[in-house]
């Protein structure tokens, strides 16, 4: 399931379409989460979830926010 095309669902918080959803397509859940990390905390978008091509929720709001706040273990460095 992690390697199927998905849509990152964003709630627009500013601009003429404020309150509408926007969708960005990615090749996998991991790619969508990586992009969501870049958007997390911005005042223009709220991360709503990740859907499959049929619109079924694969990653819900709370889980997506948790994933986008923490970096994958590969990105962490240890010093010492």
PDB file of N, CA and C in Angstrom:
ATOM      1  N   UNK A   1       0.824  -1.188   0.000  1.00  0.00           N
ATOM      2  CA  UNK A   1       0.000   0.000   0.000  1.00  0.00           C
ATOM      3  C   UNK A   1       0.870   1.255   0.000  1.00  0.00           C
ATOM      4  N   UNK A   2       2.064   1.195   0.583  1.00  0.00           N
ATOM      5  CA  UNK A   2       2.900   2.381   0.709  1.00  0.00           C
ATOM      6  C   UNK A   2       3.417   2.873  -0.642  1.00  0.00           C
ATOM      7  N   UNK A   3       3.401   2.040  -1.669  1.00  0.00           N
ATOM      8  CA  UNK A   3       3.945   2.443  -2.958  1.00  0.00           C
ATOM      9  C   UNK A   3       2.889   2.728  -4.012  1.00  0.00           C
ATOM     10  N   UNK A   4       1.657   2.956  -3.619  1.00  0.00           N
ATOM     11  CA  UNK A   4       0.617   3.298  -4.587  1.00  0.00           C
ATOM     12  C   UNK A   4       0.483   4.818  -4.682  1.00  0.00           C
ATOM     13  N   UNK A   5       0.007   5.337  -5.815  1.00  0.00           N
ATOM     14  CA  UNK A   5      -0.209   6.779  -5.923  1.00  0.00           C
ATOM     15  C   UNK A   5      -1.221   7.257  -4.882  1.00  0.00           C
ATOM     16  N   UNK A   6      -0.930   8.400  -4.280  1.00  0.00           N
ATOM     17  CA  UNK A   6      -1.793   8.946  -3.230  1.00  0.00           C
ATOM     18  C   UNK A   6      -1.977  10.437  -3.440  1.00  0.00           C
ATOM     19  N   UNK A   7      -2.953  10.998  -2.703  1.00  0.00           N
ATOM     20  CA  UNK A   7      -3.197  12.436  -2.728  1.00  0.00           C
ATOM     21  C   UNK A   7      -3.052  12.982  -1.320  1.00  0.00           C
ATOM     22  N   UNK A   8      -2.244  14.032  -1.179  1.00  0.00           N
ATOM     23  CA  UNK A   8      -2.128  14.761   0.070  1.00  0.00           C
ATOM     24  C   UNK A   8      -3.238  15.803   0.068  1.00  0.00           C
ATOM     25  N   UNK A   9      -4.090  15.766   1.088  1.00  0.00           N
ATOM     26  CA  UNK A   9      -5.223  16.683   1.176  1.00  0.00           C
ATOM     27  C   UNK A   9      -4.835  17.850   2.076  1.00  0.00           C
ATOM     28  N   UNK A  10      -4.982  19.062   1.537  1.00  0.00           N
ATOM     29  CA  UNK A  10      -4.647  20.283   2.265  1.00  0.00           C
ATOM     30  C   UNK A  10      -5.893  21.152   2.401  1.00  0.00           C
ATOM     31  N   UNK A  11      -6.102  21.702   3.574  1.00  0.00           N
ATOM     32  CA  UNK A  11      -7.134  22.707   3.773  1.00  0.00           C
ATOM     33  C   UNK A  11      -6.474  24.062   3.582  1.00  0.00           C
ATOM     34  N   UNK A  12      -7.010  24.873   2.673  1.00  0.00           N
ATOM     35  CA  UNK A  12      -6.447  26.190   2.409  1.00  0.00           C
ATOM     36  C   UNK A  12      -6.898  27.160   3.491  1.00  0.00           C
ATOM     37  N   UNK A  13      -5.937  27.826   4.124  1.00  0.00           N
ATOM     38  CA  UNK A  13      -6.226  28.719   5.242  1.00  0.00           C
ATOM     39  C   UNK A  13      -6.155  30.189   4.859  1.00  0.00           C
ATOM     40  N   UNK A  14      -5.762  30.485   3.641  1.00  0.00           N
ATOM     41  CA  UNK A  14      -5.640  31.878   3.217  1.00  0.00           C
ATOM     42  C   UNK A  14      -5.927  31.977   1.723  1.00  0.00           C
ATOM     43  N   UNK A  15      -6.211  33.186   1.281  1.00  0.00           N
ATOM     44  CA  UNK A  15      -6.437  33.422  -0.139  1.00  0.00           C
ATOM     45  C   UNK A  15      -7.898  33.309  -0.530  1.00  0.00           C
ATOM     46  N   UNK A  16      -8.171  33.459  -1.807  1.00  0.00           N
ATOM     47  CA  UNK A  16      -9.559  33.469  -2.288  1.00  0.00           C
ATOM     48  C   UNK A  16     -10.288  32.137  -2.135  1.00  0.00           C
ATOM     49  N   UNK A  17      -9.549  31.042  -2.009  1.00  0.00           N
ATOM     50  CA  UNK A  17     -10.172  29.716  -1.835  1.00  0.00           C
ATOM     51  C   UNK A  17     -10.126  29.255  -0.393  1.00  0.00           C
ATOM     52  N   UNK A  18      -9.960  30.176   0.555  1.00  0.00           N
ATOM     53  CA  UNK A  18      -9.873  29.819   1.970  1.00  0.00           C
ATOM     54  C   UNK A  18     -11.038  28.919   2.376  1.00  0.00           C
ATOM     55  N   UNK A  19     -10.722  27.822   3.067  1.00  0.00           N
ATOM     56  CA  UNK A  19     -11.741  26.877   3.511  1.00  0.00           C
ATOM     57  C   UNK A  19     -11.942  25.716   2.551  1.00  0.00           C
ATOM     58  N   UNK A  20     -11.403  25.813   1.335  1.00  0.00           N
ATOM     59  CA  UNK A  20     -11.504  24.727   0.355  1.00  0.00           C
ATOM     60  C   UNK A  20     -10.361  23.746   0.548  1.00  0.00           C
ATOM     61  N   UNK A  21     -10.533  22.566   0.014  1.00  0.00           N
ATOM     62  CA  UNK A  21      -9.452  21.581   0.016  1.00  0.00           C
ATOM     63  C   UNK A  21      -8.689  21.654  -1.295  1.00  0.00           C
ATOM     64  N   UNK A  22      -7.415  21.394  -1.221  1.00  0.00           N
ATOM     65  CA  UNK A  22      -6.563  21.260  -2.389  1.00  0.00           C
ATOM     66  C   UNK A  22      -5.900  19.887  -2.287  1.00  0.00           C
ATOM     67  N   UNK A  23      -5.500  19.335  -3.429  1.00  0.00           N
ATOM     68  CA  UNK A  23      -4.935  17.993  -3.469  1.00  0.00           C
ATOM     69  C   UNK A  23      -3.632  18.009  -4.246  1.00  0.00           C
ATOM     70  N   UNK A  24      -2.618  17.373  -3.708  1.00  0.00           N
ATOM     71  CA  UNK A  24      -1.344  17.193  -4.395  1.00  0.00           C
ATOM     72  C   UNK A  24      -1.097  15.701  -4.528  1.00  0.00           C
ATOM     73  N   UNK A  25      -0.718  15.259  -5.729  1.00  0.00           N
ATOM     74  CA  UNK A  25      -0.515  13.835  -5.967  1.00  0.00           C
ATOM     75  C   UNK A  25       0.947  13.459  -5.810  1.00  0.00           C
ATOM     76  N   UNK A  26       1.162  12.271  -5.201  1.00  0.00           N
ATOM     77  CA  UNK A  26       2.504  11.745  -4.970  1.00  0.00           C
ATOM     78  C   UNK A  26       2.508  10.262  -5.308  1.00  0.00           C
ATOM     79  N   UNK A  27       3.694   9.728  -5.530  1.00  0.00           N
ATOM     80  CA  UNK A  27       3.801   8.319  -5.912  1.00  0.00           C
ATOM     81  C   UNK A  27       3.691   7.367  -4.728  1.00  0.00           C
ATOM     82  N   UNK A  28       3.837   7.899  -3.491  1.00  0.00           N
ATOM     83  CA  UNK A  28       3.757   7.029  -2.317  1.00  0.00           C
ATOM     84  C   UNK A  28       3.377   7.843  -1.084  1.00  0.00           C
ATOM     85  N   UNK A  29       2.977   7.134  -0.039  1.00  0.00           N
ATOM     86  CA  UNK A  29       2.671   7.787   1.232  1.00  0.00           C
ATOM     87  C   UNK A  29       3.916   8.472   1.774  1.00  0.00           C
ATOM     88  N   UNK A  30       5.063   7.821   1.649  1.00  0.00           N
ATOM     89  CA  UNK A  30       6.307   8.395   2.163  1.00  0.00           C
ATOM     90  C   UNK A  30       6.633   9.717   1.491  1.00  0.00           C
ATOM     91  N   UNK A  31       6.416   9.805   0.172  1.00  0.00           N
ATOM     92  CA  UNK A  31       6.670  11.055  -0.546  1.00  0.00           C
ATOM     93  C   UNK A  31       5.709  12.151  -0.092  1.00  0.00           C
ATOM     94  N   UNK A  32       4.447  11.794   0.124  1.00  0.00           N
ATOM     95  CA  UNK A  32       3.461  12.778   0.579  1.00  0.00           C
ATOM     96  C   UNK A  32       3.800  13.284   1.977  1.00  0.00           C
ATOM     97  N   UNK A  33       4.226  12.386   2.861  1.00  0.00           N
ATOM     98  CA  UNK A  33       4.606  12.783   4.218  1.00  0.00           C
ATOM     99  C   UNK A  33       5.841  13.675   4.183  1.00  0.00           C
ATOM    100  N   UNK A  34       6.819  13.335   3.342  1.00  0.00           N
ATOM    101  CA  UNK A  34       8.028  14.156   3.238  1.00  0.00           C
ATOM    102  C   UNK A  34       7.669  15.574   2.801  1.00  0.00           C
ATOM    103  N   UNK A  35       6.776  15.710   1.841  1.00  0.00           N
ATOM    104  CA  UNK A  35       6.350  17.043   1.406  1.00  0.00           C
ATOM    105  C   UNK A  35       5.555  17.734   2.512  1.00  0.00           C
ATOM    106  N   UNK A  36       4.712  16.968   3.203  1.00  0.00           N
ATOM    107  CA  UNK A  36       3.937  17.529   4.314  1.00  0.00           C
ATOM    108  C   UNK A  36       4.809  18.099   5.407  1.00  0.00           C
ATOM    109  N   UNK A  37       5.982  17.498   5.632  1.00  0.00           N
ATOM    110  CA  UNK A  37       6.922  18.035   6.631  1.00  0.00           C
ATOM    111  C   UNK A  37       7.337  19.459   6.280  1.00  0.00           C
ATOM    112  N   UNK A  38       7.506  19.719   4.973  1.00  0.00           N
ATOM    113  CA  UNK A  38       7.886  21.064   4.539  1.00  0.00           C
ATOM    114  C   UNK A  38       6.760  22.068   4.773  1.00  0.00           C
ATOM    115  N   UNK A  39       5.517  21.611   4.668  1.00  0.00           N
ATOM    116  CA  UNK A  39       4.366  22.503   4.835  1.00  0.00           C
ATOM    117  C   UNK A  39       3.900  22.607   6.280  1.00  0.00           C
ATOM    118  N   UNK A  40       4.280  21.662   7.117  1.00  0.00           N
ATOM    119  CA  UNK A  40       3.785  21.618   8.491  1.00  0.00           C
ATOM    120  C   UNK A  40       4.146  22.903   9.223  1.00  0.00           C
ATOM    121  N   UNK A  41       3.137  23.513   9.825  1.00  0.00           N
ATOM    122  CA  UNK A  41       3.355  24.730  10.592  1.00  0.00           C
ATOM    123  C   UNK A  41       3.214  26.013   9.793  1.00  0.00           C
ATOM    124  N   UNK A  42       2.950  25.917   8.488  1.00  0.00           N
ATOM    125  CA  UNK A  42       2.753  27.138   7.714  1.00  0.00           C
ATOM    126  C   UNK A  42       1.364  27.693   7.981  1.00  0.00           C
ATOM    127  N   UNK A  43       1.192  28.961   7.724  1.00  0.00           N
ATOM    128  CA  UNK A  43      -0.110  29.594   7.964  1.00  0.00           C
ATOM    129  C   UNK A  43      -1.019  29.526   6.751  1.00  0.00           C
ATOM    130  N   UNK A  44      -0.551  28.937   5.656  1.00  0.00           N
ATOM    131  CA  UNK A  44      -1.351  28.880   4.429  1.00  0.00           C
ATOM    132  C   UNK A  44      -2.139  27.589   4.267  1.00  0.00           C
ATOM    133  N   UNK A  45      -1.651  26.501   4.887  1.00  0.00           N
ATOM    134  CA  UNK A  45      -2.267  25.191   4.697  1.00  0.00           C
ATOM    135  C   UNK A  45      -2.396  24.457   6.022  1.00  0.00           C
ATOM    136  N   UNK A  46      -3.389  23.584   6.088  1.00  0.00           N
ATOM    137  CA  UNK A  46      -3.495  22.626   7.182  1.00  0.00           C
ATOM    138  C   UNK A  46      -3.487  21.241   6.559  1.00  0.00           C
ATOM    139  N   UNK A  47      -2.655  20.353   7.049  1.00  0.00           N
ATOM    140  CA  UNK A  47      -2.580  18.994   6.537  1.00  0.00           C
ATOM    141  C   UNK A  47      -3.811  18.232   7.003  1.00  0.00           C
ATOM    142  N   UNK A  48      -4.609  17.749   6.074  1.00  0.00           N
ATOM    143  CA  UNK A  48      -5.858  17.072   6.411  1.00  0.00           C
ATOM    144  C   UNK A  48      -5.754  15.558   6.395  1.00  0.00           C
ATOM    145  N   UNK A  49      -4.965  15.009   5.493  1.00  0.00           N
ATOM    146  CA  UNK A  49      -4.854  13.563   5.410  1.00  0.00           C
ATOM    147  C   UNK A  49      -4.252  13.136   4.090  1.00  0.00           C
ATOM    148  N   UNK A  50      -4.161  11.832   3.900  1.00  0.00           N
ATOM    149  CA  UNK A  50      -3.688  11.260   2.645  1.00  0.00           C
ATOM    150  C   UNK A  50      -4.743  10.268   2.184  1.00  0.00           C
ATOM    151  N   UNK A  51      -5.120  10.377   0.898  1.00  0.00           N
ATOM    152  CA  UNK A  51      -6.154   9.525   0.311  1.00  0.00           C
ATOM    153  C   UNK A  51      -5.577   8.712  -0.828  1.00  0.00           C
ATOM    154  N   UNK A  52      -6.257   7.607  -1.147  1.00  0.00           N
ATOM    155  CA  UNK A  52      -5.902   6.880  -2.356  1.00  0.00           C
ATOM    156  C   UNK A  52      -6.615   7.531  -3.537  1.00  0.00           C
ATOM    157  N   UNK A  53      -6.412   6.996  -4.729  1.00  0.00           N
ATOM    158  CA  UNK A  53      -6.987   7.590  -5.936  1.00  0.00           C
ATOM    159  C   UNK A  53      -8.514   7.605  -5.918  1.00  0.00           C
ATOM    160  N   UNK A  54      -9.121   6.711  -5.140  1.00  0.00           N
ATOM    161  CA  UNK A  54     -10.575   6.638  -5.049  1.00  0.00           C
ATOM    162  C   UNK A  54     -11.145   7.549  -3.960  1.00  0.00           C
ATOM    163  N   UNK A  55     -10.283   8.255  -3.251  1.00  0.00           N
ATOM    164  CA  UNK A  55     -10.747   9.163  -2.203  1.00  0.00           C
ATOM    165  C   UNK A  55     -10.879   8.532  -0.829  1.00  0.00           C
ATOM    166  N   UNK A  56     -10.433   7.283  -0.671  1.00  0.00           N
ATOM    167  CA  UNK A  56     -10.479   6.628   0.638  1.00  0.00           C
ATOM    168  C   UNK A  56      -9.295   7.094   1.477  1.00  0.00           C
ATOM    169  N   UNK A  57      -9.542   7.381   2.738  1.00  0.00           N
ATOM    170  CA  UNK A  57      -8.490   7.858   3.632  1.00  0.00           C
ATOM    171  C   UNK A  57      -7.502   6.748   3.946  1.00  0.00           C
ATOM    172  N   UNK A  58      -6.221   7.023   3.717  1.00  0.00           N
ATOM    173  CA  UNK A  58      -5.148   6.092   4.059  1.00  0.00           C
ATOM    174  C   UNK A  58      -4.437   6.529   5.327  1.00  0.00           C
ATOM    175  N   UNK A  59      -4.287   7.848   5.510  1.00  0.00           N
ATOM    176  CA  UNK A  59      -3.649   8.412   6.690  1.00  0.00           C
ATOM    177  C   UNK A  59      -4.528   9.561   7.156  1.00  0.00           C
ATOM    178  N   UNK A  60      -5.046   9.466   8.372  1.00  0.00           N
ATOM    179  CA  UNK A  60      -5.974  10.483   8.863  1.00  0.00           C
ATOM    180  C   UNK A  60      -5.224  11.699   9.406  1.00  0.00           C
ATOM    181  N   UNK A  61      -5.964  12.740   9.693  1.00  0.00           N
ATOM    182  CA  UNK A  61      -5.430  14.027  10.145  1.00  0.00           C
ATOM    183  C   UNK A  61      -4.430  13.881  11.294  1.00  0.00           C
ATOM    184  N   UNK A  62      -4.832  13.230  12.376  1.00  0.00           N
ATOM    185  CA  UNK A  62      -3.970  13.136  13.554  1.00  0.00           C
ATOM    186  C   UNK A  62      -2.687  12.369  13.254  1.00  0.00           C
ATOM    187  N   UNK A  63      -2.807  11.240  12.559  1.00  0.00           N
ATOM    188  CA  UNK A  63      -1.639  10.444  12.234  1.00  0.00           C
ATOM    189  C   UNK A  63      -0.701  11.206  11.304  1.00  0.00           C
ATOM    190  N   UNK A  64      -1.264  11.910  10.325  1.00  0.00           N
ATOM    191  CA  UNK A  64      -0.441  12.680   9.399  1.00  0.00           C
ATOM    192  C   UNK A  64       0.309  13.781  10.130  1.00  0.00           C
ATOM    193  N   UNK A  65      -0.349  14.481  11.033  1.00  0.00           N
ATOM    194  CA  UNK A  65       0.320  15.551  11.789  1.00  0.00           C
ATOM    195  C   UNK A  65       1.449  14.979  12.644  1.00  0.00           C
ATOM    196  N   UNK A  66       1.221  13.819  13.254  1.00  0.00           N
ATOM    197  CA  UNK A  66       2.285  13.177  14.044  1.00  0.00           C
ATOM    198  C   UNK A  66       3.478  12.805  13.165  1.00  0.00           C
ATOM    199  N   UNK A  67       3.198  12.228  12.002  1.00  0.00           N
ATOM    200  CA  UNK A  67       4.274  11.832  11.088  1.00  0.00           C
ATOM    201  C   UNK A  67       5.060  13.050  10.589  1.00  0.00           C
ATOM    202  N   UNK A  68       4.384  14.156  10.384  1.00  0.00           N
ATOM    203  CA  UNK A  68       5.047  15.334   9.827  1.00  0.00           C
ATOM    204  C   UNK A  68       5.788  16.143  10.888  1.00  0.00           C
ATOM    205  N   UNK A  69       5.551  15.865  12.146  1.00  0.00           N
ATOM    206  CA  UNK A  69       6.291  16.542  13.212  1.00  0.00           C
ATOM    207  C   UNK A  69       7.571  15.813  13.565  1.00  0.00           C
ATOM    208  N   UNK A  70       7.640  14.520  13.261  1.00  0.00           N
ATOM    209  CA  UNK A  70       8.833  13.753  13.606  1.00  0.00           C
ATOM    210  C   UNK A  70       9.575  13.361  12.339  1.00  0.00           C
ATOM    211  N   UNK A  71      10.888  13.453  12.389  1.00  0.00           N
ATOM    212  CA  UNK A  71      11.717  13.097  11.238  1.00  0.00           C
ATOM    213  C   UNK A  71      12.012  11.609  11.264  1.00  0.00           C
ATOM    214  N   UNK A  72      12.152  11.018  10.098  1.00  0.00           N
ATOM    215  CA  UNK A  72      12.484   9.585  10.064  1.00  0.00           C
ATOM    216  C   UNK A  72      13.837   9.323  10.729  1.00  0.00           C
ATOM    217  N   UNK A  73      14.024   8.116  11.222  1.00  0.00           N
ATOM    218  CA  UNK A  73      15.244   7.756  11.943  1.00  0.00           C
ATOM    219  C   UNK A  73      16.489   7.923  11.076  1.00  0.00           C
ATOM    220  N   UNK A  74      16.364   7.718   9.751  1.00  0.00           N
ATOM    221  CA  UNK A  74      17.526   7.835   8.876  1.00  0.00           C
ATOM    222  C   UNK A  74      18.071   9.263   8.874  1.00  0.00           C
ATOM    223  N   UNK A  75      17.224  10.246   9.111  1.00  0.00           N
ATOM    224  CA  UNK A  75      17.641  11.638   9.041  1.00  0.00           C
ATOM    225  C   UNK A  75      18.286  12.116  10.344  1.00  0.00           C
ATOM    226  N   UNK A  76      18.127  11.359  11.401  1.00  0.00           N
ATOM    227  CA  UNK A  76      18.692  11.774  12.685  1.00  0.00           C
ATOM    228  C   UNK A  76      20.182  11.437  12.726  1.00  0.00           C
ATOM    229  N   UNK A  77      20.948  12.356  13.281  1.00  0.00           N
ATOM    230  CA  UNK A  77      22.369  12.124  13.434  1.00  0.00           C
ATOM    231  C   UNK A  77      22.724  11.983  14.894  1.00  0.00           C
ATOM    232  N   UNK A  78      23.707  11.168  15.143  1.00  0.00           N
ATOM    233  CA  UNK A  78      24.181  11.057  16.520  1.00  0.00           C
ATOM    234  C   UNK A  78      25.605  11.577  16.575  1.00  0.00           C
ATOM    235  N   UNK A  79      25.896  12.311  17.611  1.00  0.00           N
ATOM    236  CA  UNK A  79      27.218  12.881  17.796  1.00  0.00           C
ATOM    237  C   UNK A  79      27.839  12.292  19.046  1.00  0.00           C
ATOM    238  N   UNK A  80      29.153  12.186  19.019  1.00  0.00           N
ATOM    239  CA  UNK A  80      29.783  11.734  20.244  1.00  0.00           C
ATOM    240  C   UNK A  80      30.817  10.772  20.052  1.00  0.00           C
TER     241      UNK A  80
END
